[in-house]
Amino acid sequence: MSNEILQKVEELTKNGRVDAPNWTPRPASTHFTDISDIEGMRLAGKLAADVLVMLEEFVVPGVTTEQLDIIAHNYIISEQGAIPAPLNYHGFPKSCCTSVNDVICHGIPNDKALKKGDAVNIDITIIKDGYYGDTSRMFFAGPALPHAERLAKITQECLYLAIDLVKPGVRLGDIGAAISAHAHKNHCSVVEEYCGHGVGTTFHGEPQVAHYGKAGTGVMLEEGMTLTIEPMINAGKKQVKHTGPDNWIAKTKDGRLSAQYEHTLLVTADGVEVLTRRPEETRFS
């Protein structure tokens, strides 16, 4: 089966990347009351989630993250009529982030083939009609190693615990405290250098959503806010080192594994809507 997938990957990537079209940004906002804006965010979120679903079959040993990037890039532009938001964002050279093993975030796709057991976070952000959808999840090239699978499970649990708290009146410190408590209970650490953020008609806006904090403190959530929660959880210590072009790539300082899951969320009148929900996440349906 993997040989068939590798052949399919070669076919999908043989002509490289299609050109990204020009587009016109909307006025920047991360808080919406108009239903047309909310529908725009729903569509952008669904499209971002669809990219992760589409990519799953291609994350196998022997495939390069560069090939995954080309497949995602072409799918976003040619199939979805959307734009890959990371491309040329503050100089970022690719259309998605692929963070392998000890890379925490902002991994730059390259020509190194994935090996059996590699843990890969793929972070997708698309722009559709000026609205951004931002999401990531963990994949494994071949069967997951038990310790990597455990870390991914704990990280996803951190995200889900946080999402379950989201509603008007909750403070961001409550969310950060819940994430860090679950991570620490499981003898993992929380990366503090990076955070979630407001997202909407801008890639990164207010509020900043730390994945640690003190309950009862911080910005209070309000209906209509759109934001990401994206905990980065390390198997070892929380310290980060930076490498790569312009120091984009963040890695664990101790070389141990890191994992991340991310969703774009809409704060509703009485709770939360997960705009980047994937079909298997029936707990949010």
C-alpha atoms as a PDB file:
ATOM      1  CA  MET A   1       0.000   0.000   0.000  1.00  0.00           C
ATOM      2  CA  SER A   2       2.774   2.459   0.876  1.00  0.00           C
ATOM      3  CA  ASN A   3       4.334   1.963  -2.574  1.00  0.00           C
ATOM      4  CA  GLU A   4       1.014   2.908  -4.158  1.00  0.00           C
ATOM      5  CA  ILE A   5       0.866   6.004  -1.957  1.00  0.00           C
ATOM      6  CA  LEU A   6       4.434   6.955  -2.849  1.00  0.00           C
ATOM      7  CA  GLN A   7       3.554   6.652  -6.534  1.00  0.00           C
ATOM      8  CA  LYS A   8       0.483   8.819  -6.000  1.00  0.00           C
ATOM      9  CA  VAL A   9       2.611  11.403  -4.196  1.00  0.00           C
ATOM     10  CA  GLU A  10       5.078  11.470  -7.083  1.00  0.00           C
ATOM     11  CA  GLU A  11       2.237  12.053  -9.516  1.00  0.00           C
ATOM     12  CA  LEU A  12       0.689  14.829  -7.420  1.00  0.00           C
ATOM     13  CA  THR A  13       3.981  16.671  -6.967  1.00  0.00           C
ATOM     14  CA  LYS A  14       5.768  16.168 -10.304  1.00  0.00           C
ATOM     15  CA  ASN A  15       4.754  19.581 -11.651  1.00  0.00           C
ATOM     16  CA  GLY A  16       5.559  21.502  -8.459  1.00  0.00           C
ATOM     17  CA  ARG A  17       3.392  24.265  -7.059  1.00  0.00           C
ATOM     18  CA  VAL A  18       0.690  26.158  -8.911  1.00  0.00           C
ATOM     19  CA  ASP A  19       0.823  29.935  -8.673  1.00  0.00           C
ATOM     20  CA  ALA A  20      -1.042  31.544  -5.789  1.00  0.00           C
ATOM     21  CA  PRO A  21      -3.578  34.133  -6.962  1.00  0.00           C
ATOM     22  CA  ASN A  22      -3.704  37.709  -5.779  1.00  0.00           C
ATOM     23  CA  TRP A  23      -6.302  38.544  -3.141  1.00  0.00           C
ATOM     24  CA  THR A  24      -7.610  41.555  -1.266  1.00  0.00           C
ATOM     25  CA  PRO A  25      -7.529  41.513   2.554  1.00  0.00           C
ATOM     26  CA  ARG A  26     -10.554  42.535   4.588  1.00  0.00           C
ATOM     27  CA  PRO A  27     -10.290  44.986   7.491  1.00  0.00           C
ATOM     28  CA  ALA A  28      -8.628  43.098  10.351  1.00  0.00           C
ATOM     29  CA  SER A  29     -10.973  41.743  13.026  1.00  0.00           C
ATOM     30  CA  THR A  30     -11.180  38.822  15.445  1.00  0.00           C
ATOM     31  CA  HIS A  31     -14.643  39.613  16.850  1.00  0.00           C
ATOM     32  CA  PHE A  32     -17.791  39.289  14.753  1.00  0.00           C
ATOM     33  CA  THR A  33     -21.492  40.004  15.166  1.00  0.00           C
ATOM     34  CA  ASP A  34     -22.627  39.877  11.521  1.00  0.00           C
ATOM     35  CA  ILE A  35     -23.823  36.442  10.361  1.00  0.00           C
ATOM     36  CA  SER A  36     -22.062  36.887   7.009  1.00  0.00           C
ATOM     37  CA  ASP A  37     -18.723  37.194   8.817  1.00  0.00           C
ATOM     38  CA  ILE A  38     -19.493  34.154  10.956  1.00  0.00           C
ATOM     39  CA  GLU A  39     -20.420  32.142   7.864  1.00  0.00           C
ATOM     40  CA  GLY A  40     -17.146  33.264   6.281  1.00  0.00           C
ATOM     41  CA  MET A  41     -15.254  31.962   9.302  1.00  0.00           C
ATOM     42  CA  ARG A  42     -17.200  28.695   9.246  1.00  0.00           C
ATOM     43  CA  LEU A  43     -16.259  28.086   5.631  1.00  0.00           C
ATOM     44  CA  ALA A  44     -12.592  28.966   6.201  1.00  0.00           C
ATOM     45  CA  GLY A  45     -12.476  26.655   9.221  1.00  0.00           C
ATOM     46  CA  LYS A  46     -14.044  23.755   7.338  1.00  0.00           C
ATOM     47  CA  LEU A  47     -11.629  24.151   4.436  1.00  0.00           C
ATOM     48  CA  ALA A  48      -8.609  24.169   6.768  1.00  0.00           C
ATOM     49  CA  ALA A  49      -9.860  20.989   8.445  1.00  0.00           C
ATOM     50  CA  ASP A  50     -10.443  19.384   5.042  1.00  0.00           C
ATOM     51  CA  VAL A  51      -6.771  19.874   4.141  1.00  0.00           C
ATOM     52  CA  LEU A  52      -5.695  17.857   7.194  1.00  0.00           C
ATOM     53  CA  VAL A  53      -8.190  15.130   6.325  1.00  0.00           C
ATOM     54  CA  MET A  54      -6.912  15.029   2.737  1.00  0.00           C
ATOM     55  CA  LEU A  55      -3.257  14.803   3.803  1.00  0.00           C
ATOM     56  CA  GLU A  56      -3.658  11.876   6.183  1.00  0.00           C
ATOM     57  CA  GLU A  57      -3.157   9.109   3.606  1.00  0.00           C
ATOM     58  CA  PHE A  58       0.100  10.685   2.423  1.00  0.00           C
ATOM     59  CA  VAL A  59       1.923  10.775   5.773  1.00  0.00           C
ATOM     60  CA  VAL A  60       3.901   7.570   5.334  1.00  0.00           C
ATOM     61  CA  PRO A  61       7.579   6.595   5.509  1.00  0.00           C
ATOM     62  CA  GLY A  62       9.434   7.715   2.399  1.00  0.00           C
ATOM     63  CA  VAL A  63       7.354  10.831   1.742  1.00  0.00           C
ATOM     64  CA  THR A  64       9.083  14.167   2.279  1.00  0.00           C
ATOM     65  CA  THR A  65       7.531  17.106   4.059  1.00  0.00           C
ATOM     66  CA  GLU A  66       8.277  19.124   0.906  1.00  0.00           C
ATOM     67  CA  GLN A  67       5.970  16.784  -1.008  1.00  0.00           C
ATOM     68  CA  LEU A  68       3.288  17.148   1.661  1.00  0.00           C
ATOM     69  CA  ASP A  69       3.612  20.910   1.332  1.00  0.00           C
ATOM     70  CA  ILE A  70       3.203  20.810  -2.455  1.00  0.00           C
ATOM     71  CA  ILE A  71       0.125  18.584  -2.154  1.00  0.00           C
ATOM     72  CA  ALA A  72      -1.420  20.915   0.435  1.00  0.00           C
ATOM     73  CA  HIS A  73      -0.515  24.041  -1.541  1.00  0.00           C
ATOM     74  CA  ASN A  74      -2.056  22.796  -4.777  1.00  0.00           C
ATOM     75  CA  TYR A  75      -5.163  21.434  -3.068  1.00  0.00           C
ATOM     76  CA  ILE A  76      -5.804  24.728  -1.248  1.00  0.00           C
ATOM     77  CA  ILE A  77      -5.470  26.798  -4.416  1.00  0.00           C
ATOM     78  CA  SER A  78      -6.803  24.509  -7.139  1.00  0.00           C
ATOM     79  CA  GLU A  79      -9.480  22.526  -5.281  1.00  0.00           C
ATOM     80  CA  GLN A  80     -10.609  24.962  -2.586  1.00  0.00           C
ATOM     81  CA  GLY A  81     -10.121  28.273  -4.353  1.00  0.00           C
ATOM     82  CA  ALA A  82      -8.318  29.490  -1.240  1.00  0.00           C
ATOM     83  CA  ILE A  83      -4.869  30.819  -0.305  1.00  0.00           C
ATOM     84  CA  PRO A  84      -2.220  29.142   1.902  1.00  0.00           C
ATOM     85  CA  ALA A  85      -1.717  31.805   4.572  1.00  0.00           C
ATOM     86  CA  PRO A  86       1.835  30.888   5.712  1.00  0.00           C
ATOM     87  CA  LEU A  87       3.361  31.345   2.243  1.00  0.00           C
ATOM     88  CA  ASN A  88       5.637  34.425   2.397  1.00  0.00           C
ATOM     89  CA  TYR A  89       4.170  35.431   5.786  1.00  0.00           C
ATOM     90  CA  HIS A  90       7.007  37.461   7.329  1.00  0.00           C
ATOM     91  CA  GLY A  91       9.329  35.564   5.026  1.00  0.00           C
ATOM     92  CA  PHE A  92       8.109  32.020   5.771  1.00  0.00           C
ATOM     93  CA  PRO A  93       9.006  30.103   2.592  1.00  0.00           C
ATOM     94  CA  LYS A  94       6.362  27.357   2.439  1.00  0.00           C
ATOM     95  CA  SER A  95       2.586  26.884   2.491  1.00  0.00           C
ATOM     96  CA  CYS A  96       2.238  24.900   5.721  1.00  0.00           C
ATOM     97  CA  CYS A  97       4.303  24.063   8.793  1.00  0.00           C
ATOM     98  CA  THR A  98       5.552  20.493   9.213  1.00  0.00           C
ATOM     99  CA  SER A  99       7.104  19.931  12.640  1.00  0.00           C
ATOM    100  CA  VAL A 100       8.777  16.539  13.027  1.00  0.00           C
ATOM    101  CA  ASN A 101       9.644  14.863  16.353  1.00  0.00           C
ATOM    102  CA  ASP A 102      11.531  17.439  18.466  1.00  0.00           C
ATOM    103  CA  VAL A 103      10.346  20.405  16.369  1.00  0.00           C
ATOM    104  CA  ILE A 104       7.769  22.293  18.422  1.00  0.00           C
ATOM    105  CA  CYS A 105       6.343  24.518  15.697  1.00  0.00           C
ATOM    106  CA  HIS A 106       7.106  26.378  12.455  1.00  0.00           C
ATOM    107  CA  GLY A 107       8.925  23.432  10.923  1.00  0.00           C
ATOM    108  CA  ILE A 108       9.813  24.253   7.314  1.00  0.00           C
ATOM    109  CA  PRO A 109       8.991  21.507   4.778  1.00  0.00           C
ATOM    110  CA  ASN A 110      12.140  19.985   3.249  1.00  0.00           C
ATOM    111  CA  ASP A 111      13.445  17.117   1.124  1.00  0.00           C
ATOM    112  CA  LYS A 112      14.192  14.751   4.005  1.00  0.00           C
ATOM    113  CA  ALA A 113      12.038  11.629   3.818  1.00  0.00           C
ATOM    114  CA  LEU A 114       9.934  10.679   6.817  1.00  0.00           C
ATOM    115  CA  LYS A 115      11.054   7.568   8.659  1.00  0.00           C
ATOM    116  CA  LYS A 116       8.906   4.864  10.212  1.00  0.00           C
ATOM    117  CA  GLY A 117       7.628   6.112  13.577  1.00  0.00           C
ATOM    118  CA  ASP A 118       8.234   9.810  12.944  1.00  0.00           C
ATOM    119  CA  ALA A 119       5.708  12.076  14.690  1.00  0.00           C
ATOM    120  CA  VAL A 120       4.631  14.996  12.508  1.00  0.00           C
ATOM    121  CA  ASN A 121       2.531  18.029  13.333  1.00  0.00           C
ATOM    122  CA  ILE A 122       1.022  19.603  10.215  1.00  0.00           C
ATOM    123  CA  ASP A 123      -0.260  23.138  10.742  1.00  0.00           C
ATOM    124  CA  ILE A 124      -2.622  24.448   8.066  1.00  0.00           C
ATOM    125  CA  THR A 125      -3.938  27.979   7.718  1.00  0.00           C
ATOM    126  CA  ILE A 126      -6.022  28.935   4.699  1.00  0.00           C
ATOM    127  CA  ILE A 127      -7.555  32.223   3.591  1.00  0.00           C
ATOM    128  CA  LYS A 128     -10.956  32.042   1.918  1.00  0.00           C
ATOM    129  CA  ASP A 129     -12.607  35.287   0.819  1.00  0.00           C
ATOM    130  CA  GLY A 130     -10.457  37.144   3.354  1.00  0.00           C
ATOM    131  CA  TYR A 131     -11.301  34.863   6.321  1.00  0.00           C
ATOM    132  CA  TYR A 132      -8.686  32.651   8.007  1.00  0.00           C
ATOM    133  CA  GLY A 133      -9.046  29.076   9.208  1.00  0.00           C
ATOM    134  CA  ASP A 134      -6.151  27.771  11.337  1.00  0.00           C
ATOM    135  CA  THR A 135      -5.727  24.211  12.615  1.00  0.00           C
ATOM    136  CA  SER A 136      -3.144  21.503  13.251  1.00  0.00           C
ATOM    137  CA  ARG A 137      -2.931  17.890  14.354  1.00  0.00           C
ATOM    138  CA  MET A 138      -0.417  15.130  14.908  1.00  0.00           C
ATOM    139  CA  PHE A 139       0.282  12.399  12.361  1.00  0.00           C
ATOM    140  CA  PHE A 140       2.565   9.359  12.480  1.00  0.00           C
ATOM    141  CA  ALA A 141       4.545   7.922   9.599  1.00  0.00           C
ATOM    142  CA  GLY A 142       3.693   4.265  10.014  1.00  0.00           C
ATOM    143  CA  PRO A 143       2.825   2.820  13.431  1.00  0.00           C
ATOM    144  CA  ALA A 144       3.253   5.289  16.285  1.00  0.00           C
ATOM    145  CA  LEU A 145       5.893   4.652  18.916  1.00  0.00           C
ATOM    146  CA  PRO A 146       4.152   4.204  22.300  1.00  0.00           C
ATOM    147  CA  HIS A 147       5.788   7.207  23.994  1.00  0.00           C
ATOM    148  CA  ALA A 148       4.996   9.458  21.017  1.00  0.00           C
ATOM    149  CA  GLU A 149       1.411   8.256  20.885  1.00  0.00           C
ATOM    150  CA  ARG A 150       1.062   8.960  24.615  1.00  0.00           C
ATOM    151  CA  LEU A 151       2.373  12.510  24.225  1.00  0.00           C
ATOM    152  CA  ALA A 152       0.017  13.183  21.315  1.00  0.00           C
ATOM    153  CA  LYS A 153      -2.928  11.860  23.342  1.00  0.00           C
ATOM    154  CA  ILE A 154      -2.093  14.061  26.324  1.00  0.00           C
ATOM    155  CA  THR A 155      -1.713  17.100  24.040  1.00  0.00           C
ATOM    156  CA  GLN A 156      -5.064  16.498  22.378  1.00  0.00           C
ATOM    157  CA  GLU A 157      -6.648  16.057  25.814  1.00  0.00           C
ATOM    158  CA  CYS A 158      -5.190  19.441  26.819  1.00  0.00           C
ATOM    159  CA  LEU A 159      -6.851  21.042  23.805  1.00  0.00           C
ATOM    160  CA  TYR A 160     -10.188  19.351  24.423  1.00  0.00           C
ATOM    161  CA  LEU A 161     -10.192  20.277  28.121  1.00  0.00           C
ATOM    162  CA  ALA A 162      -9.597  23.885  27.107  1.00  0.00           C
ATOM    163  CA  ILE A 163     -12.329  23.870  24.456  1.00  0.00           C
ATOM    164  CA  ASP A 164     -14.813  22.478  26.971  1.00  0.00           C
ATOM    165  CA  LEU A 165     -14.266  25.585  29.105  1.00  0.00           C
ATOM    166  CA  VAL A 166     -14.871  28.144  26.357  1.00  0.00           C
ATOM    167  CA  LYS A 167     -17.971  30.318  26.775  1.00  0.00           C
ATOM    168  CA  PRO A 168     -18.722  33.980  27.485  1.00  0.00           C
ATOM    169  CA  GLY A 169     -17.445  35.091  30.874  1.00  0.00           C
ATOM    170  CA  VAL A 170     -14.578  32.598  31.081  1.00  0.00           C
ATOM    171  CA  ARG A 171     -11.135  34.150  31.428  1.00  0.00           C
ATOM    172  CA  LEU A 172      -8.119  33.088  29.424  1.00  0.00           C
ATOM    173  CA  GLY A 173      -6.242  32.356  32.640  1.00  0.00           C
ATOM    174  CA  ASP A 174      -8.812  29.629  33.347  1.00  0.00           C
ATOM    175  CA  ILE A 175      -7.981  27.992  30.025  1.00  0.00           C
ATOM    176  CA  GLY A 176      -4.214  28.245  30.466  1.00  0.00           C
ATOM    177  CA  ALA A 177      -4.435  26.860  33.995  1.00  0.00           C
ATOM    178  CA  ALA A 178      -6.462  23.843  32.838  1.00  0.00           C
ATOM    179  CA  ILE A 179      -4.009  23.044  30.049  1.00  0.00           C
ATOM    180  CA  SER A 180      -0.915  23.278  32.229  1.00  0.00           C
ATOM    181  CA  ALA A 181      -2.521  21.286  35.057  1.00  0.00           C
ATOM    182  CA  HIS A 182      -3.286  18.375  32.747  1.00  0.00           C
ATOM    183  CA  ALA A 183       0.148  18.457  31.143  1.00  0.00           C
ATOM    184  CA  HIS A 184       1.979  18.605  34.469  1.00  0.00           C
ATOM    185  CA  LYS A 185      -0.203  15.859  35.942  1.00  0.00           C
ATOM    186  CA  ASN A 186       1.093  13.663  33.146  1.00  0.00           C
ATOM    187  CA  HIS A 187       4.738  14.703  33.697  1.00  0.00           C
ATOM    188  CA  CYS A 188       4.929  16.838  30.564  1.00  0.00           C
ATOM    189  CA  SER A 189       5.808  20.510  30.138  1.00  0.00           C
ATOM    190  CA  VAL A 190       4.033  23.392  28.395  1.00  0.00           C
ATOM    191  CA  VAL A 191       5.855  25.573  25.873  1.00  0.00           C
ATOM    192  CA  GLU A 192       5.501  29.176  27.023  1.00  0.00           C
ATOM    193  CA  GLU A 193       7.171  31.026  24.127  1.00  0.00           C
ATOM    194  CA  TYR A 194       4.234  30.480  21.764  1.00  0.00           C
ATOM    195  CA  CYS A 195       0.508  30.858  22.263  1.00  0.00           C
ATOM    196  CA  GLY A 196      -2.887  30.750  20.630  1.00  0.00           C
ATOM    197  CA  HIS A 197      -4.310  33.962  19.239  1.00  0.00           C
ATOM    198  CA  GLY A 198      -7.227  35.827  17.853  1.00  0.00           C
ATOM    199  CA  VAL A 199      -7.893  34.888  14.239  1.00  0.00           C
ATOM    200  CA  GLY A 200     -10.512  36.135  11.818  1.00  0.00           C
ATOM    201  CA  THR A 201      -9.857  38.476   8.936  1.00  0.00           C
ATOM    202  CA  THR A 202      -6.273  38.572  10.169  1.00  0.00           C
ATOM    203  CA  PHE A 203      -3.824  35.719  10.730  1.00  0.00           C
ATOM    204  CA  HIS A 204      -2.715  36.749  14.225  1.00  0.00           C
ATOM    205  CA  GLY A 205      -4.622  39.218  16.393  1.00  0.00           C
ATOM    206  CA  GLU A 206      -5.776  39.797  19.926  1.00  0.00           C
ATOM    207  CA  PRO A 207      -6.245  38.177  22.329  1.00  0.00           C
ATOM    208  CA  GLN A 208      -3.099  36.170  22.939  1.00  0.00           C
ATOM    209  CA  VAL A 209      -4.079  32.781  24.373  1.00  0.00           C
ATOM    210  CA  ALA A 210      -1.370  31.448  26.675  1.00  0.00           C
ATOM    211  CA  HIS A 211      -1.418  27.741  27.464  1.00  0.00           C
ATOM    212  CA  TYR A 212      -0.493  28.352  31.086  1.00  0.00           C
ATOM    213  CA  GLY A 213      -1.831  30.867  33.563  1.00  0.00           C
ATOM    214  CA  LYS A 214      -3.727  31.582  36.747  1.00  0.00           C
ATOM    215  CA  ALA A 215      -7.440  30.854  36.964  1.00  0.00           C
ATOM    216  CA  GLY A 216      -9.615  33.949  37.293  1.00  0.00           C
ATOM    217  CA  THR A 217      -7.171  36.204  35.448  1.00  0.00           C
ATOM    218  CA  GLY A 218      -6.761  37.434  31.908  1.00  0.00           C
ATOM    219  CA  VAL A 219      -9.056  38.556  29.103  1.00  0.00           C
ATOM    220  CA  MET A 220     -12.703  37.588  29.481  1.00  0.00           C
ATOM    221  CA  LEU A 221     -14.246  35.765  26.544  1.00  0.00           C
ATOM    222  CA  GLU A 222     -17.197  37.376  24.772  1.00  0.00           C
ATOM    223  CA  GLU A 223     -19.710  36.122  22.240  1.00  0.00           C
ATOM    224  CA  GLY A 224     -18.445  36.595  18.688  1.00  0.00           C
ATOM    225  CA  MET A 225     -14.727  36.228  19.451  1.00  0.00           C
ATOM    226  CA  THR A 226     -12.799  33.937  17.092  1.00  0.00           C
ATOM    227  CA  LEU A 227      -9.517  32.547  18.373  1.00  0.00           C
ATOM    228  CA  THR A 228      -7.199  29.572  18.360  1.00  0.00           C
ATOM    229  CA  ILE A 229      -6.150  27.328  21.206  1.00  0.00           C
ATOM    230  CA  GLU A 230      -3.051  25.341  20.231  1.00  0.00           C
ATOM    231  CA  PRO A 231      -1.139  23.816  23.160  1.00  0.00           C
ATOM    232  CA  MET A 232       2.444  22.752  22.481  1.00  0.00           C
ATOM    233  CA  ILE A 233       3.375  20.048  24.981  1.00  0.00           C
ATOM    234  CA  ASN A 234       6.869  18.631  25.454  1.00  0.00           C
ATOM    235  CA  ALA A 235       7.824  15.207  26.757  1.00  0.00           C
ATOM    236  CA  GLY A 236      10.806  16.798  28.486  1.00  0.00           C
ATOM    237  CA  LYS A 237      11.541  20.362  29.526  1.00  0.00           C
ATOM    238  CA  LYS A 238       9.766  23.456  28.215  1.00  0.00           C
ATOM    239  CA  GLN A 239      12.843  25.314  26.951  1.00  0.00           C
ATOM    240  CA  VAL A 240      13.049  26.168  23.246  1.00  0.00           C
ATOM    241  CA  LYS A 241      15.915  26.662  20.791  1.00  0.00           C
ATOM    242  CA  HIS A 242      15.614  28.245  17.351  1.00  0.00           C
ATOM    243  CA  THR A 243      17.209  27.108  14.107  1.00  0.00           C
ATOM    244  CA  GLY A 244      16.743  27.346  10.365  1.00  0.00           C
ATOM    245  CA  PRO A 245      16.268  30.333   8.062  1.00  0.00           C
ATOM    246  CA  ASP A 246      15.547  33.484  10.068  1.00  0.00           C
ATOM    247  CA  ASN A 247      15.339  31.237  13.173  1.00  0.00           C
ATOM    248  CA  TRP A 248      11.831  30.178  12.150  1.00  0.00           C
ATOM    249  CA  ILE A 249      12.112  26.615  13.438  1.00  0.00           C
ATOM    250  CA  ALA A 250      11.435  26.113  17.159  1.00  0.00           C
ATOM    251  CA  LYS A 251      12.786  22.891  18.665  1.00  0.00           C
ATOM    252  CA  THR A 252      12.931  21.428  22.147  1.00  0.00           C
ATOM    253  CA  LYS A 253      16.225  22.392  23.759  1.00  0.00           C
ATOM    254  CA  ASP A 254      16.672  18.931  25.257  1.00  0.00           C
ATOM    255  CA  GLY A 255      15.904  17.137  21.978  1.00  0.00           C
ATOM    256  CA  ARG A 256      12.867  15.302  23.318  1.00  0.00           C
ATOM    257  CA  LEU A 257       9.541  15.010  21.538  1.00  0.00           C
ATOM    258  CA  SER A 258       6.959  17.775  21.238  1.00  0.00           C
ATOM    259  CA  ALA A 259       3.320  17.594  20.136  1.00  0.00           C
ATOM    260  CA  GLN A 260       0.619  20.099  19.211  1.00  0.00           C
ATOM    261  CA  TYR A 261      -3.079  20.220  18.351  1.00  0.00           C
ATOM    262  CA  GLU A 262      -4.939  23.364  17.296  1.00  0.00           C
ATOM    263  CA  HIS A 263      -8.482  24.465  16.539  1.00  0.00           C
ATOM    264  CA  THR A 264     -10.082  27.729  15.480  1.00  0.00           C
ATOM    265  CA  LEU A 265     -13.029  28.495  17.756  1.00  0.00           C
ATOM    266  CA  LEU A 266     -16.061  30.783  17.765  1.00  0.00           C
ATOM    267  CA  VAL A 267     -17.346  31.888  21.169  1.00  0.00           C
ATOM    268  CA  THR A 268     -21.143  31.517  20.990  1.00  0.00           C
ATOM    269  CA  ALA A 269     -23.885  32.867  23.237  1.00  0.00           C
ATOM    270  CA  ASP A 270     -23.733  29.828  25.513  1.00  0.00           C
ATOM    271  CA  GLY A 271     -20.519  28.014  24.636  1.00  0.00           C
ATOM    272  CA  VAL A 272     -18.252  27.349  21.692  1.00  0.00           C
ATOM    273  CA  GLU A 273     -18.325  26.244  18.068  1.00  0.00           C
ATOM    274  CA  VAL A 274     -15.262  24.388  16.795  1.00  0.00           C
ATOM    275  CA  LEU A 275     -14.871  25.882  13.331  1.00  0.00           C
ATOM    276  CA  THR A 276     -12.068  23.507  12.303  1.00  0.00           C
ATOM    277  CA  ARG A 277     -13.700  20.314  13.588  1.00  0.00           C
ATOM    278  CA  ARG A 278     -12.784  17.194  11.613  1.00  0.00           C
ATOM    279  CA  PRO A 279     -15.360  14.460  10.906  1.00  0.00           C
ATOM    280  CA  GLU A 280     -13.906  12.044  13.468  1.00  0.00           C
ATOM    281  CA  GLU A 281     -14.303  14.602  16.257  1.00  0.00           C
ATOM    282  CA  THR A 282     -17.899  13.640  16.985  1.00  0.00           C
ATOM    283  CA  ARG A 283     -17.659  15.015  20.535  1.00  0.00           C
ATOM    284  CA  PHE A 284     -18.113  18.498  19.008  1.00  0.00           C
ATOM    285  CA  SER A 285     -20.962  17.700  16.628  1.00  0.00           C
END
